[in-house]
Amino acid sequence: MPYVDRQNRICGFLDIEDNETCGKFLRRYFILDTKINSLLWYMDNPQNLAVGSKAVGSLQLTYISKVSVATPKQKPKTPFCFVINALSQRYVLQANDQKDLQDWVEALNTASKITDVD
């Protein structure tokens, strides 16, 4: 479940689809940091990593055009998925449960100033 850390960032674990491994999902720790206008992801919670460990991925919030729950057609047999459309890329993420899914979609839409939510 996403939570708010001491720096007022929304954080938590999600699985992200890795296009290089033919659609396998990788567990990553995500931080939605509105102060730097980015969604960052790490191999693990940065508190558990070596000091100075860098994010393994990031996305500028201003590049996000849409965040929506994945349809069964987009992700059959994979529950609790949502899709982030940014520039010409699609990021498919999987939450732990329905509440987690809704919380992340809402937080990302709010942070990226998207008002028309599916």
PDB file of N, CA and C in Angstrom:
ATOM      1  N   MET A   1       0.843  -1.174   0.000  1.00  0.00           N
ATOM      2  CA  MET A   1       0.000   0.000   0.000  1.00  0.00           C
ATOM      3  C   MET A   1       0.891   1.242   0.000  1.00  0.00           C
ATOM      4  N   PRO A   2       0.567   2.232  -0.849  1.00  0.00           N
ATOM      5  CA  PRO A   2       1.392   3.438  -0.823  1.00  0.00           C
ATOM      6  C   PRO A   2       1.232   4.173   0.501  1.00  0.00           C
ATOM      7  N   TYR A   3       2.291   4.811   0.909  1.00  0.00           N
ATOM      8  CA  TYR A   3       2.241   5.599   2.141  1.00  0.00           C
ATOM      9  C   TYR A   3       2.984   6.906   1.899  1.00  0.00           C
ATOM     10  N   VAL A   4       2.818   7.862   2.797  1.00  0.00           N
ATOM     11  CA  VAL A   4       3.493   9.152   2.687  1.00  0.00           C
ATOM     12  C   VAL A   4       4.680   9.134   3.645  1.00  0.00           C
ATOM     13  N   ASP A   5       5.877   9.400   3.114  1.00  0.00           N
ATOM     14  CA  ASP A   5       7.073   9.390   3.961  1.00  0.00           C
ATOM     15  C   ASP A   5       7.274  10.744   4.643  1.00  0.00           C
ATOM     16  N   ARG A   6       8.359  10.869   5.393  1.00  0.00           N
ATOM     17  CA  ARG A   6       8.626  12.089   6.158  1.00  0.00           C
ATOM     18  C   ARG A   6       8.830  13.314   5.272  1.00  0.00           C
ATOM     19  N   GLN A   7       9.187  13.078   4.016  1.00  0.00           N
ATOM     20  CA  GLN A   7       9.401  14.191   3.080  1.00  0.00           C
ATOM     21  C   GLN A   7       8.136  14.476   2.257  1.00  0.00           C
ATOM     22  N   ASN A   8       7.009  13.906   2.706  1.00  0.00           N
ATOM     23  CA  ASN A   8       5.704  14.105   2.082  1.00  0.00           C
ATOM     24  C   ASN A   8       5.631  13.556   0.654  1.00  0.00           C
ATOM     25  N   ARG A   9       6.354  12.446   0.410  1.00  0.00           N
ATOM     26  CA  ARG A   9       6.320  11.795  -0.892  1.00  0.00           C
ATOM     27  C   ARG A   9       5.502  10.517  -0.774  1.00  0.00           C
ATOM     28  N   ILE A  10       4.805  10.167  -1.836  1.00  0.00           N
ATOM     29  CA  ILE A  10       4.056   8.911  -1.844  1.00  0.00           C
ATOM     30  C   ILE A  10       5.021   7.813  -2.271  1.00  0.00           C
ATOM     31  N   CYS A  11       5.071   6.737  -1.479  1.00  0.00           N
ATOM     32  CA  CYS A  11       6.052   5.680  -1.683  1.00  0.00           C
ATOM     33  C   CYS A  11       5.403   4.309  -1.580  1.00  0.00           C
ATOM     34  N   GLY A  12       6.052   3.319  -2.149  1.00  0.00           N
ATOM     35  CA  GLY A  12       5.608   1.943  -1.987  1.00  0.00           C
ATOM     36  C   GLY A  12       6.103   1.049  -3.107  1.00  0.00           C
ATOM     37  N   PHE A  13       5.887  -0.237  -2.913  1.00  0.00           N
ATOM     38  CA  PHE A  13       6.318  -1.225  -3.903  1.00  0.00           C
ATOM     39  C   PHE A  13       5.244  -1.436  -4.959  1.00  0.00           C
ATOM     40  N   LEU A  14       5.693  -1.539  -6.204  1.00  0.00           N
ATOM     41  CA  LEU A  14       4.855  -1.905  -7.344  1.00  0.00           C
ATOM     42  C   LEU A  14       5.688  -2.829  -8.222  1.00  0.00           C
ATOM     43  N   ASP A  15       5.017  -3.558  -9.085  1.00  0.00           N
ATOM     44  CA  ASP A  15       5.726  -4.354 -10.080  1.00  0.00           C
ATOM     45  C   ASP A  15       5.635  -3.601 -11.397  1.00  0.00           C
ATOM     46  N   ILE A  16       6.761  -3.484 -12.092  1.00  0.00           N
ATOM     47  CA  ILE A  16       6.774  -2.793 -13.383  1.00  0.00           C
ATOM     48  C   ILE A  16       7.128  -3.787 -14.471  1.00  0.00           C
ATOM     49  N   GLU A  17       6.393  -3.704 -15.571  1.00  0.00           N
ATOM     50  CA  GLU A  17       6.639  -4.614 -16.683  1.00  0.00           C
ATOM     51  C   GLU A  17       7.950  -4.224 -17.354  1.00  0.00           C
ATOM     52  N   ASP A  18       8.803  -5.214 -17.511  1.00  0.00           N
ATOM     53  CA  ASP A  18      10.110  -5.001 -18.118  1.00  0.00           C
ATOM     54  C   ASP A  18      10.054  -5.454 -19.570  1.00  0.00           C
ATOM     55  N   ASN A  19      10.127  -4.512 -20.476  1.00  0.00           N
ATOM     56  CA  ASN A  19      10.029  -4.836 -21.901  1.00  0.00           C
ATOM     57  C   ASN A  19      11.207  -5.667 -22.398  1.00  0.00           C
ATOM     58  N   GLU A  20      12.332  -5.591 -21.705  1.00  0.00           N
ATOM     59  CA  GLU A  20      13.512  -6.338 -22.138  1.00  0.00           C
ATOM     60  C   GLU A  20      13.417  -7.819 -21.785  1.00  0.00           C
ATOM     61  N   THR A  21      12.530  -8.194 -20.874  1.00  0.00           N
ATOM     62  CA  THR A  21      12.401  -9.603 -20.490  1.00  0.00           C
ATOM     63  C   THR A  21      11.041 -10.154 -20.929  1.00  0.00           C
ATOM     64  N   CYS A  22      10.583  -9.707 -22.061  1.00  0.00           N
ATOM     65  CA  CYS A  22       9.336 -10.211 -22.662  1.00  0.00           C
ATOM     66  C   CYS A  22       8.132 -10.102 -21.725  1.00  0.00           C
ATOM     67  N   GLY A  23       7.982  -8.953 -21.108  1.00  0.00           N
ATOM     68  CA  GLY A  23       6.782  -8.711 -20.325  1.00  0.00           C
ATOM     69  C   GLY A  23       6.778  -9.245 -18.913  1.00  0.00           C
ATOM     70  N   LYS A  24       7.918  -9.667 -18.406  1.00  0.00           N
ATOM     71  CA  LYS A  24       7.970 -10.102 -17.006  1.00  0.00           C
ATOM     72  C   LYS A  24       7.898  -8.848 -16.120  1.00  0.00           C
ATOM     73  N   PHE A  25       7.311  -9.031 -14.940  1.00  0.00           N
ATOM     74  CA  PHE A  25       7.205  -7.916 -14.005  1.00  0.00           C
ATOM     75  C   PHE A  25       8.350  -7.971 -12.994  1.00  0.00           C
ATOM     76  N   LEU A  26       8.896  -6.809 -12.687  1.00  0.00           N
ATOM     77  CA  LEU A  26       9.978  -6.691 -11.716  1.00  0.00           C
ATOM     78  C   LEU A  26       9.498  -5.861 -10.534  1.00  0.00           C
ATOM     79  N   ARG A  27       9.783  -6.329  -9.328  1.00  0.00           N
ATOM     80  CA  ARG A  27       9.381  -5.632  -8.103  1.00  0.00           C
ATOM     81  C   ARG A  27      10.318  -4.454  -7.890  1.00  0.00           C
ATOM     82  N   ARG A  28       9.753  -3.260  -7.759  1.00  0.00           N
ATOM     83  CA  ARG A  28      10.549  -2.057  -7.549  1.00  0.00           C
ATOM     84  C   ARG A  28       9.881  -1.176  -6.500  1.00  0.00           C
ATOM     85  N   TYR A  29      10.681  -0.339  -5.877  1.00  0.00           N
ATOM     86  CA  TYR A  29      10.189   0.604  -4.875  1.00  0.00           C
ATOM     87  C   TYR A  29      10.025   1.959  -5.556  1.00  0.00           C
ATOM     88  N   PHE A  30       8.806   2.504  -5.537  1.00  0.00           N
ATOM     89  CA  PHE A  30       8.498   3.748  -6.227  1.00  0.00           C
ATOM     90  C   PHE A  30       8.349   4.905  -5.259  1.00  0.00           C
ATOM     91  N   ILE A  31       8.825   6.069  -5.691  1.00  0.00           N
ATOM     92  CA  ILE A  31       8.668   7.301  -4.932  1.00  0.00           C
ATOM     93  C   ILE A  31       8.100   8.350  -5.885  1.00  0.00           C
ATOM     94  N   LEU A  32       6.943   8.865  -5.526  1.00  0.00           N
ATOM     95  CA  LEU A  32       6.313   9.949  -6.274  1.00  0.00           C
ATOM     96  C   LEU A  32       6.707  11.244  -5.577  1.00  0.00           C
ATOM     97  N   ASP A  33       7.647  11.948  -6.172  1.00  0.00           N
ATOM     98  CA  ASP A  33       8.217  13.148  -5.551  1.00  0.00           C
ATOM     99  C   ASP A  33       7.779  14.385  -6.323  1.00  0.00           C
ATOM    100  N   THR A  34       6.767  15.075  -5.806  1.00  0.00           N
ATOM    101  CA  THR A  34       6.240  16.242  -6.509  1.00  0.00           C
ATOM    102  C   THR A  34       7.168  17.452  -6.398  1.00  0.00           C
ATOM    103  N   LYS A  35       8.076  17.448  -5.425  1.00  0.00           N
ATOM    104  CA  LYS A  35       9.019  18.570  -5.303  1.00  0.00           C
ATOM    105  C   LYS A  35       9.982  18.608  -6.487  1.00  0.00           C
ATOM    106  N   ILE A  36      10.378  17.433  -6.966  1.00  0.00           N
ATOM    107  CA  ILE A  36      11.276  17.387  -8.132  1.00  0.00           C
ATOM    108  C   ILE A  36      10.502  16.963  -9.386  1.00  0.00           C
ATOM    109  N   ASN A  37       9.181  16.874  -9.258  1.00  0.00           N
ATOM    110  CA  ASN A  37       8.296  16.599 -10.384  1.00  0.00           C
ATOM    111  C   ASN A  37       8.628  15.272 -11.086  1.00  0.00           C
ATOM    112  N   SER A  38       8.878  14.216 -10.281  1.00  0.00           N
ATOM    113  CA  SER A  38       9.284  12.939 -10.859  1.00  0.00           C
ATOM    114  C   SER A  38       8.689  11.741 -10.130  1.00  0.00           C
ATOM    115  N   LEU A  39       8.537  10.671 -10.902  1.00  0.00           N
ATOM    116  CA  LEU A  39       8.264   9.354 -10.343  1.00  0.00           C
ATOM    117  C   LEU A  39       9.573   8.596 -10.483  1.00  0.00           C
ATOM    118  N   LEU A  40      10.114   8.137  -9.359  1.00  0.00           N
ATOM    119  CA  LEU A  40      11.396   7.438  -9.347  1.00  0.00           C
ATOM    120  C   LEU A  40      11.175   6.002  -8.918  1.00  0.00           C
ATOM    121  N   TRP A  41      11.995   5.079  -9.428  1.00  0.00           N
ATOM    122  CA  TRP A  41      11.924   3.730  -8.904  1.00  0.00           C
ATOM    123  C   TRP A  41      13.319   3.173  -8.665  1.00  0.00           C
ATOM    124  N   TYR A  42      13.389   2.378  -7.605  1.00  0.00           N
ATOM    125  CA  TYR A  42      14.648   1.829  -7.089  1.00  0.00           C
ATOM    126  C   TYR A  42      14.545   0.312  -6.996  1.00  0.00           C
ATOM    127  N   MET A  43      15.692  -0.348  -6.901  1.00  0.00           N
ATOM    128  CA  MET A  43      15.724  -1.802  -6.739  1.00  0.00           C
ATOM    129  C   MET A  43      15.031  -2.213  -5.439  1.00  0.00           C
ATOM    130  N   ASP A  44      15.137  -1.370  -4.406  1.00  0.00           N
ATOM    131  CA  ASP A  44      14.548  -1.635  -3.095  1.00  0.00           C
ATOM    132  C   ASP A  44      14.308  -0.274  -2.437  1.00  0.00           C
ATOM    133  N   ASN A  45      13.735  -0.292  -1.254  1.00  0.00           N
ATOM    134  CA  ASN A  45      13.568   0.947  -0.500  1.00  0.00           C
ATOM    135  C   ASN A  45      14.955   1.572  -0.336  1.00  0.00           C
ATOM    136  N   PRO A  46      15.124   2.837  -0.720  1.00  0.00           N
ATOM    137  CA  PRO A  46      16.451   3.464  -0.615  1.00  0.00           C
ATOM    138  C   PRO A  46      17.062   3.383   0.780  1.00  0.00           C
ATOM    139  N   GLN A  47      16.231   3.268   1.819  1.00  0.00           N
ATOM    140  CA  GLN A  47      16.760   3.115   3.177  1.00  0.00           C
ATOM    141  C   GLN A  47      17.526   1.799   3.328  1.00  0.00           C
ATOM    142  N   ASN A  48      17.207   0.802   2.488  1.00  0.00           N
ATOM    143  CA  ASN A  48      17.883  -0.497   2.552  1.00  0.00           C
ATOM    144  C   ASN A  48      19.067  -0.593   1.604  1.00  0.00           C
ATOM    145  N   LEU A  49      19.264   0.427   0.777  1.00  0.00           N
ATOM    146  CA  LEU A  49      20.340   0.409  -0.214  1.00  0.00           C
ATOM    147  C   LEU A  49      21.548   1.187   0.290  1.00  0.00           C
ATOM    148  N   ALA A  50      22.657   1.006  -0.385  1.00  0.00           N
ATOM    149  CA  ALA A  50      23.871   1.738  -0.025  1.00  0.00           C
ATOM    150  C   ALA A  50      23.640   3.238  -0.190  1.00  0.00           C
ATOM    151  N   VAL A  51      24.296   4.022   0.636  1.00  0.00           N
ATOM    152  CA  VAL A  51      24.176   5.475   0.561  1.00  0.00           C
ATOM    153  C   VAL A  51      24.585   5.933  -0.837  1.00  0.00           C
ATOM    154  N   GLY A  52      23.772   6.790  -1.420  1.00  0.00           N
ATOM    155  CA  GLY A  52      24.086   7.304  -2.751  1.00  0.00           C
ATOM    156  C   GLY A  52      23.565   6.446  -3.894  1.00  0.00           C
ATOM    157  N   SER A  53      22.835   5.375  -3.583  1.00  0.00           N
ATOM    158  CA  SER A  53      22.276   4.532  -4.639  1.00  0.00           C
ATOM    159  C   SER A  53      21.309   5.354  -5.488  1.00  0.00           C
ATOM    160  N   LYS A  54      21.442   5.199  -6.778  1.00  0.00           N
ATOM    161  CA  LYS A  54      20.614   5.961  -7.711  1.00  0.00           C
ATOM    162  C   LYS A  54      19.359   5.190  -8.091  1.00  0.00           C
ATOM    163  N   ALA A  55      18.359   5.923  -8.532  1.00  0.00           N
ATOM    164  CA  ALA A  55      17.130   5.303  -9.032  1.00  0.00           C
ATOM    165  C   ALA A  55      17.467   4.487 -10.283  1.00  0.00           C
ATOM    166  N   VAL A  56      16.779   3.371 -10.470  1.00  0.00           N
ATOM    167  CA  VAL A  56      16.991   2.566 -11.676  1.00  0.00           C
ATOM    168  C   VAL A  56      16.086   3.033 -12.811  1.00  0.00           C
ATOM    169  N   GLY A  57      15.137   3.927 -12.486  1.00  0.00           N
ATOM    170  CA  GLY A  57      14.259   4.490 -13.498  1.00  0.00           C
ATOM    171  C   GLY A  57      13.596   5.743 -12.984  1.00  0.00           C
ATOM    172  N   SER A  58      13.190   6.593 -13.907  1.00  0.00           N
ATOM    173  CA  SER A  58      12.481   7.806 -13.509  1.00  0.00           C
ATOM    174  C   SER A  58      11.631   8.303 -14.662  1.00  0.00           C
ATOM    175  N   LEU A  59      10.644   9.094 -14.295  1.00  0.00           N
ATOM    176  CA  LEU A  59       9.728   9.648 -15.273  1.00  0.00           C
ATOM    177  C   LEU A  59       9.306  11.027 -14.796  1.00  0.00           C
ATOM    178  N   GLN A  60       9.490  12.031 -15.645  1.00  0.00           N
ATOM    179  CA  GLN A  60       9.039  13.380 -15.311  1.00  0.00           C
ATOM    180  C   GLN A  60       7.513  13.414 -15.325  1.00  0.00           C
ATOM    181  N   LEU A  61       6.914  13.972 -14.308  1.00  0.00           N
ATOM    182  CA  LEU A  61       5.449  14.016 -14.216  1.00  0.00           C
ATOM    183  C   LEU A  61       4.830  14.825 -15.354  1.00  0.00           C
ATOM    184  N   THR A  62       5.545  15.824 -15.844  1.00  0.00           N
ATOM    185  CA  THR A  62       4.997  16.643 -16.926  1.00  0.00           C
ATOM    186  C   THR A  62       4.890  15.868 -18.234  1.00  0.00           C
ATOM    187  N   TYR A  63       5.601  14.755 -18.357  1.00  0.00           N
ATOM    188  CA  TYR A  63       5.528  13.926 -19.568  1.00  0.00           C
ATOM    189  C   TYR A  63       4.309  13.008 -19.569  1.00  0.00           C
ATOM    190  N   ILE A  64       3.671  12.835 -18.415  1.00  0.00           N
ATOM    191  CA  ILE A  64       2.545  11.909 -18.302  1.00  0.00           C
ATOM    192  C   ILE A  64       1.300  12.535 -18.931  1.00  0.00           C
ATOM    193  N   SER A  65       0.704  11.816 -19.884  1.00  0.00           N
ATOM    194  CA  SER A  65      -0.513  12.316 -20.517  1.00  0.00           C
ATOM    195  C   SER A  65      -1.756  11.611 -19.993  1.00  0.00           C
ATOM    196  N   LYS A  66      -1.576  10.381 -19.474  1.00  0.00           N
ATOM    197  CA  LYS A  66      -2.731   9.637 -18.986  1.00  0.00           C
ATOM    198  C   LYS A  66      -2.279   8.527 -18.050  1.00  0.00           C
ATOM    199  N   VAL A  67      -3.054   8.320 -16.987  1.00  0.00           N
ATOM    200  CA  VAL A  67      -2.852   7.189 -16.081  1.00  0.00           C
ATOM    201  C   VAL A  67      -4.207   6.521 -15.951  1.00  0.00           C
ATOM    202  N   SER A  68      -4.280   5.249 -16.291  1.00  0.00           N
ATOM    203  CA  SER A  68      -5.571   4.567 -16.242  1.00  0.00           C
ATOM    204  C   SER A  68      -5.417   3.105 -15.859  1.00  0.00           C
ATOM    205  N   VAL A  69      -6.493   2.558 -15.326  1.00  0.00           N
ATOM    206  CA  VAL A  69      -6.524   1.133 -14.980  1.00  0.00           C
ATOM    207  C   VAL A  69      -6.462   0.345 -16.280  1.00  0.00           C
ATOM    208  N   ALA A  70      -5.637  -0.673 -16.309  1.00  0.00           N
ATOM    209  CA  ALA A  70      -5.496  -1.506 -17.513  1.00  0.00           C
ATOM    210  C   ALA A  70      -6.769  -2.319 -17.731  1.00  0.00           C
ATOM    211  N   THR A  71      -7.167  -2.430 -18.966  1.00  0.00           N
ATOM    212  CA  THR A  71      -8.345  -3.229 -19.303  1.00  0.00           C
ATOM    213  C   THR A  71      -7.946  -4.698 -19.345  1.00  0.00           C
ATOM    214  N   PRO A  72      -8.907  -5.608 -19.179  1.00  0.00           N
ATOM    215  CA  PRO A  72      -8.588  -7.034 -19.297  1.00  0.00           C
ATOM    216  C   PRO A  72      -7.970  -7.366 -20.662  1.00  0.00           C
ATOM    217  N   LYS A  73      -8.333  -6.608 -21.679  1.00  0.00           N
ATOM    218  CA  LYS A  73      -7.774  -6.829 -23.015  1.00  0.00           C
ATOM    219  C   LYS A  73      -6.280  -6.469 -23.042  1.00  0.00           C
ATOM    220  N   GLN A  74      -5.915  -5.385 -22.341  1.00  0.00           N
ATOM    221  CA  GLN A  74      -4.513  -4.960 -22.301  1.00  0.00           C
ATOM    222  C   GLN A  74      -3.658  -5.931 -21.496  1.00  0.00           C
ATOM    223  N   LYS A  75      -4.194  -6.401 -20.386  1.00  0.00           N
ATOM    224  CA  LYS A  75      -3.430  -7.266 -19.487  1.00  0.00           C
ATOM    225  C   LYS A  75      -4.282  -8.436 -19.011  1.00  0.00           C
ATOM    226  N   PRO A  76      -4.575  -9.381 -19.905  1.00  0.00           N
ATOM    227  CA  PRO A  76      -5.373 -10.527 -19.469  1.00  0.00           C
ATOM    228  C   PRO A  76      -4.618 -11.342 -18.417  1.00  0.00           C
ATOM    229  N   LYS A  77      -5.333 -11.850 -17.453  1.00  0.00           N
ATOM    230  CA  LYS A  77      -4.774 -12.710 -16.395  1.00  0.00           C
ATOM    231  C   LYS A  77      -3.763 -12.012 -15.491  1.00  0.00           C
ATOM    232  N   THR A  78      -3.699 -10.683 -15.539  1.00  0.00           N
ATOM    233  CA  THR A  78      -2.798  -9.945 -14.663  1.00  0.00           C
ATOM    234  C   THR A  78      -3.629  -8.886 -13.934  1.00  0.00           C
ATOM    235  N   PRO A  79      -4.045  -9.174 -12.707  1.00  0.00           N
ATOM    236  CA  PRO A  79      -4.922  -8.239 -11.983  1.00  0.00           C
ATOM    237  C   PRO A  79      -4.180  -7.018 -11.463  1.00  0.00           C
ATOM    238  N   PHE A  80      -4.954  -5.987 -11.153  1.00  0.00           N
ATOM    239  CA  PHE A  80      -4.480  -4.779 -10.474  1.00  0.00           C
ATOM    240  C   PHE A  80      -3.401  -4.010 -11.256  1.00  0.00           C
ATOM    241  N   CYS A  81      -3.519  -4.005 -12.579  1.00  0.00           N
ATOM    242  CA  CYS A  81      -2.553  -3.282 -13.407  1.00  0.00           C
ATOM    243  C   CYS A  81      -3.076  -1.906 -13.789  1.00  0.00           C
ATOM    244  N   PHE A  82      -2.145  -0.987 -13.966  1.00  0.00           N
ATOM    245  CA  PHE A  82      -2.491   0.309 -14.523  1.00  0.00           C
ATOM    246  C   PHE A  82      -1.412   0.726 -15.511  1.00  0.00           C
ATOM    247  N   VAL A  83      -1.795   1.641 -16.383  1.00  0.00           N
ATOM    248  CA  VAL A  83      -0.921   2.056 -17.469  1.00  0.00           C
ATOM    249  C   VAL A  83      -0.646   3.552 -17.354  1.00  0.00           C
ATOM    250  N   ILE A  84       0.632   3.901 -17.479  1.00  0.00           N
ATOM    251  CA  ILE A  84       1.030   5.303 -17.534  1.00  0.00           C
ATOM    252  C   ILE A  84       1.461   5.579 -18.972  1.00  0.00           C
ATOM    253  N   ASN A  85       0.788   6.509 -19.619  1.00  0.00           N
ATOM    254  CA  ASN A  85       1.192   6.945 -20.952  1.00  0.00           C
ATOM    255  C   ASN A  85       2.012   8.213 -20.793  1.00  0.00           C
ATOM    256  N   ALA A  86       3.242   8.173 -21.313  1.00  0.00           N
ATOM    257  CA  ALA A  86       4.127   9.321 -21.207  1.00  0.00           C
ATOM    258  C   ALA A  86       4.951   9.432 -22.482  1.00  0.00           C
ATOM    259  N   LEU A  87       4.840  10.579 -23.118  1.00  0.00           N
ATOM    260  CA  LEU A  87       5.472  10.789 -24.412  1.00  0.00           C
ATOM    261  C   LEU A  87       5.067   9.634 -25.319  1.00  0.00           C
ATOM    262  N   SER A  88       6.010   8.915 -25.884  1.00  0.00           N
ATOM    263  CA  SER A  88       5.634   7.819 -26.784  1.00  0.00           C
ATOM    264  C   SER A  88       5.783   6.465 -26.104  1.00  0.00           C
ATOM    265  N   GLN A  89       5.863   6.453 -24.786  1.00  0.00           N
ATOM    266  CA  GLN A  89       6.050   5.197 -24.058  1.00  0.00           C
ATOM    267  C   GLN A  89       4.854   4.868 -23.186  1.00  0.00           C
ATOM    268  N   ARG A  90       4.695   3.563 -22.949  1.00  0.00           N
ATOM    269  CA  ARG A  90       3.679   3.080 -22.016  1.00  0.00           C
ATOM    270  C   ARG A  90       4.384   2.302 -20.922  1.00  0.00           C
ATOM    271  N   TYR A  91       4.045   2.612 -19.703  1.00  0.00           N
ATOM    272  CA  TYR A  91       4.577   1.890 -18.553  1.00  0.00           C
ATOM    273  C   TYR A  91       3.413   1.119 -17.942  1.00  0.00           C
ATOM    274  N   VAL A  92       3.596  -0.191 -17.781  1.00  0.00           N
ATOM    275  CA  VAL A  92       2.560  -1.014 -17.171  1.00  0.00           C
ATOM    276  C   VAL A  92       3.049  -1.396 -15.778  1.00  0.00           C
ATOM    277  N   LEU A  93       2.232  -1.049 -14.781  1.00  0.00           N
ATOM    278  CA  LEU A  93       2.583  -1.353 -13.399  1.00  0.00           C
ATOM    279  C   LEU A  93       1.488  -2.179 -12.770  1.00  0.00           C
ATOM    280  N   GLN A  94       1.884  -2.991 -11.796  1.00  0.00           N
ATOM    281  CA  GLN A  94       0.923  -3.837 -11.100  1.00  0.00           C
ATOM    282  C   GLN A  94       0.986  -3.538  -9.609  1.00  0.00           C
ATOM    283  N   ALA A  95      -0.191  -3.245  -9.055  1.00  0.00           N
ATOM    284  CA  ALA A  95      -0.317  -2.986  -7.627  1.00  0.00           C
ATOM    285  C   ALA A  95      -0.592  -4.295  -6.887  1.00  0.00           C
ATOM    286  N   ASN A  96      -0.571  -4.236  -5.569  1.00  0.00           N
ATOM    287  CA  ASN A  96      -0.802  -5.428  -4.751  1.00  0.00           C
ATOM    288  C   ASN A  96      -2.267  -5.824  -4.676  1.00  0.00           C
ATOM    289  N   ASP A  97      -3.154  -4.813  -4.694  1.00  0.00           N
ATOM    290  CA  ASP A  97      -4.586  -5.091  -4.567  1.00  0.00           C
ATOM    291  C   ASP A  97      -5.373  -3.920  -5.156  1.00  0.00           C
ATOM    292  N   GLN A  98      -6.691  -4.021  -5.109  1.00  0.00           N
ATOM    293  CA  GLN A  98      -7.552  -3.009  -5.720  1.00  0.00           C
ATOM    294  C   GLN A  98      -7.374  -1.634  -5.086  1.00  0.00           C
ATOM    295  N   LYS A  99      -7.266  -1.569  -3.758  1.00  0.00           N
ATOM    296  CA  LYS A  99      -7.100  -0.280  -3.079  1.00  0.00           C
ATOM    297  C   LYS A  99      -5.776   0.363  -3.464  1.00  0.00           C
ATOM    298  N   ASP A 100      -4.727  -0.434  -3.463  1.00  0.00           N
ATOM    299  CA  ASP A 100      -3.402   0.022  -3.872  1.00  0.00           C
ATOM    300  C   ASP A 100      -3.463   0.600  -5.294  1.00  0.00           C
ATOM    301  N   LEU A 101      -4.122  -0.121  -6.166  1.00  0.00           N
ATOM    302  CA  LEU A 101      -4.292   0.295  -7.562  1.00  0.00           C
ATOM    303  C   LEU A 101      -4.954   1.671  -7.640  1.00  0.00           C
ATOM    304  N   GLN A 102      -6.097   1.822  -6.972  1.00  0.00           N
ATOM    305  CA  GLN A 102      -6.832   3.088  -6.997  1.00  0.00           C
ATOM    306  C   GLN A 102      -6.009   4.227  -6.394  1.00  0.00           C
ATOM    307  N   ASP A 103      -5.310   3.939  -5.285  1.00  0.00           N
ATOM    308  CA  ASP A 103      -4.505   4.973  -4.619  1.00  0.00           C
ATOM    309  C   ASP A 103      -3.383   5.487  -5.527  1.00  0.00           C
ATOM    310  N   TRP A 104      -2.692   4.579  -6.202  1.00  0.00           N
ATOM    311  CA  TRP A 104      -1.600   4.982  -7.098  1.00  0.00           C
ATOM    312  C   TRP A 104      -2.123   5.752  -8.302  1.00  0.00           C
ATOM    313  N   VAL A 105      -3.200   5.264  -8.919  1.00  0.00           N
ATOM    314  CA  VAL A 105      -3.765   5.945 -10.093  1.00  0.00           C
ATOM    315  C   VAL A 105      -4.196   7.361  -9.709  1.00  0.00           C
ATOM    316  N   GLU A 106      -4.882   7.478  -8.584  1.00  0.00           N
ATOM    317  CA  GLU A 106      -5.342   8.790  -8.117  1.00  0.00           C
ATOM    318  C   GLU A 106      -4.157   9.709  -7.811  1.00  0.00           C
ATOM    319  N   ALA A 107      -3.149   9.187  -7.111  1.00  0.00           N
ATOM    320  CA  ALA A 107      -1.979  10.001  -6.745  1.00  0.00           C
ATOM    321  C   ALA A 107      -1.225  10.469  -7.986  1.00  0.00           C
ATOM    322  N   LEU A 108      -1.056   9.581  -8.951  1.00  0.00           N
ATOM    323  CA  LEU A 108      -0.338   9.955 -10.178  1.00  0.00           C
ATOM    324  C   LEU A 108      -1.126  10.958 -11.005  1.00  0.00           C
ATOM    325  N   ASN A 109      -2.428  10.766 -11.103  1.00  0.00           N
ATOM    326  CA  ASN A 109      -3.251  11.720 -11.835  1.00  0.00           C
ATOM    327  C   ASN A 109      -3.225  13.094 -11.163  1.00  0.00           C
ATOM    328  N   THR A 110      -3.305  13.112  -9.855  1.00  0.00           N
ATOM    329  CA  THR A 110      -3.267  14.372  -9.115  1.00  0.00           C
ATOM    330  C   THR A 110      -1.913  15.056  -9.294  1.00  0.00           C
ATOM    331  N   ALA A 111      -0.843  14.289  -9.149  1.00  0.00           N
ATOM    332  CA  ALA A 111       0.507  14.848  -9.243  1.00  0.00           C
ATOM    333  C   ALA A 111       0.824  15.355 -10.648  1.00  0.00           C
ATOM    334  N   SER A 112       0.286  14.681 -11.655  1.00  0.00           N
ATOM    335  CA  SER A 112       0.572  15.102 -13.033  1.00  0.00           C
ATOM    336  C   SER A 112      -0.509  16.030 -13.568  1.00  0.00           C
ATOM    337  N   LYS A 113      -1.419  16.444 -12.684  1.00  0.00           N
ATOM    338  CA  LYS A 113      -2.472  17.417 -12.996  1.00  0.00           C
ATOM    339  C   LYS A 113      -3.461  16.932 -14.060  1.00  0.00           C
ATOM    340  N   ILE A 114      -3.686  15.616 -14.098  1.00  0.00           N
ATOM    341  CA  ILE A 114      -4.651  15.055 -15.039  1.00  0.00           C
ATOM    342  C   ILE A 114      -6.007  15.060 -14.354  1.00  0.00           C
ATOM    343  N   THR A 115      -7.001  15.583 -15.042  1.00  0.00           N
ATOM    344  CA  THR A 115      -8.314  15.698 -14.402  1.00  0.00           C
ATOM    345  C   THR A 115      -9.332  14.678 -14.915  1.00  0.00           C
ATOM    346  N   ASP A 116      -9.196  14.198 -16.146  1.00  0.00           N
ATOM    347  CA  ASP A 116     -10.200  13.236 -16.631  1.00  0.00           C
ATOM    348  C   ASP A 116      -9.720  11.808 -16.361  1.00  0.00           C
ATOM    349  N   VAL A 117     -10.202  11.230 -15.286  1.00  0.00           N
ATOM    350  CA  VAL A 117      -9.801   9.893 -14.856  1.00  0.00           C
ATOM    351  C   VAL A 117     -10.810   8.877 -15.370  1.00  0.00           C
ATOM    352  N   ASP A 118     -10.302   7.761 -15.875  1.00  0.00           N
ATOM    353  CA  ASP A 118     -11.204   6.675 -16.334  1.00  0.00           C
ATOM    354  C   ASP A 118     -11.909   6.058 -15.155  1.00  0.00           C
TER     355      ASP A 118
END
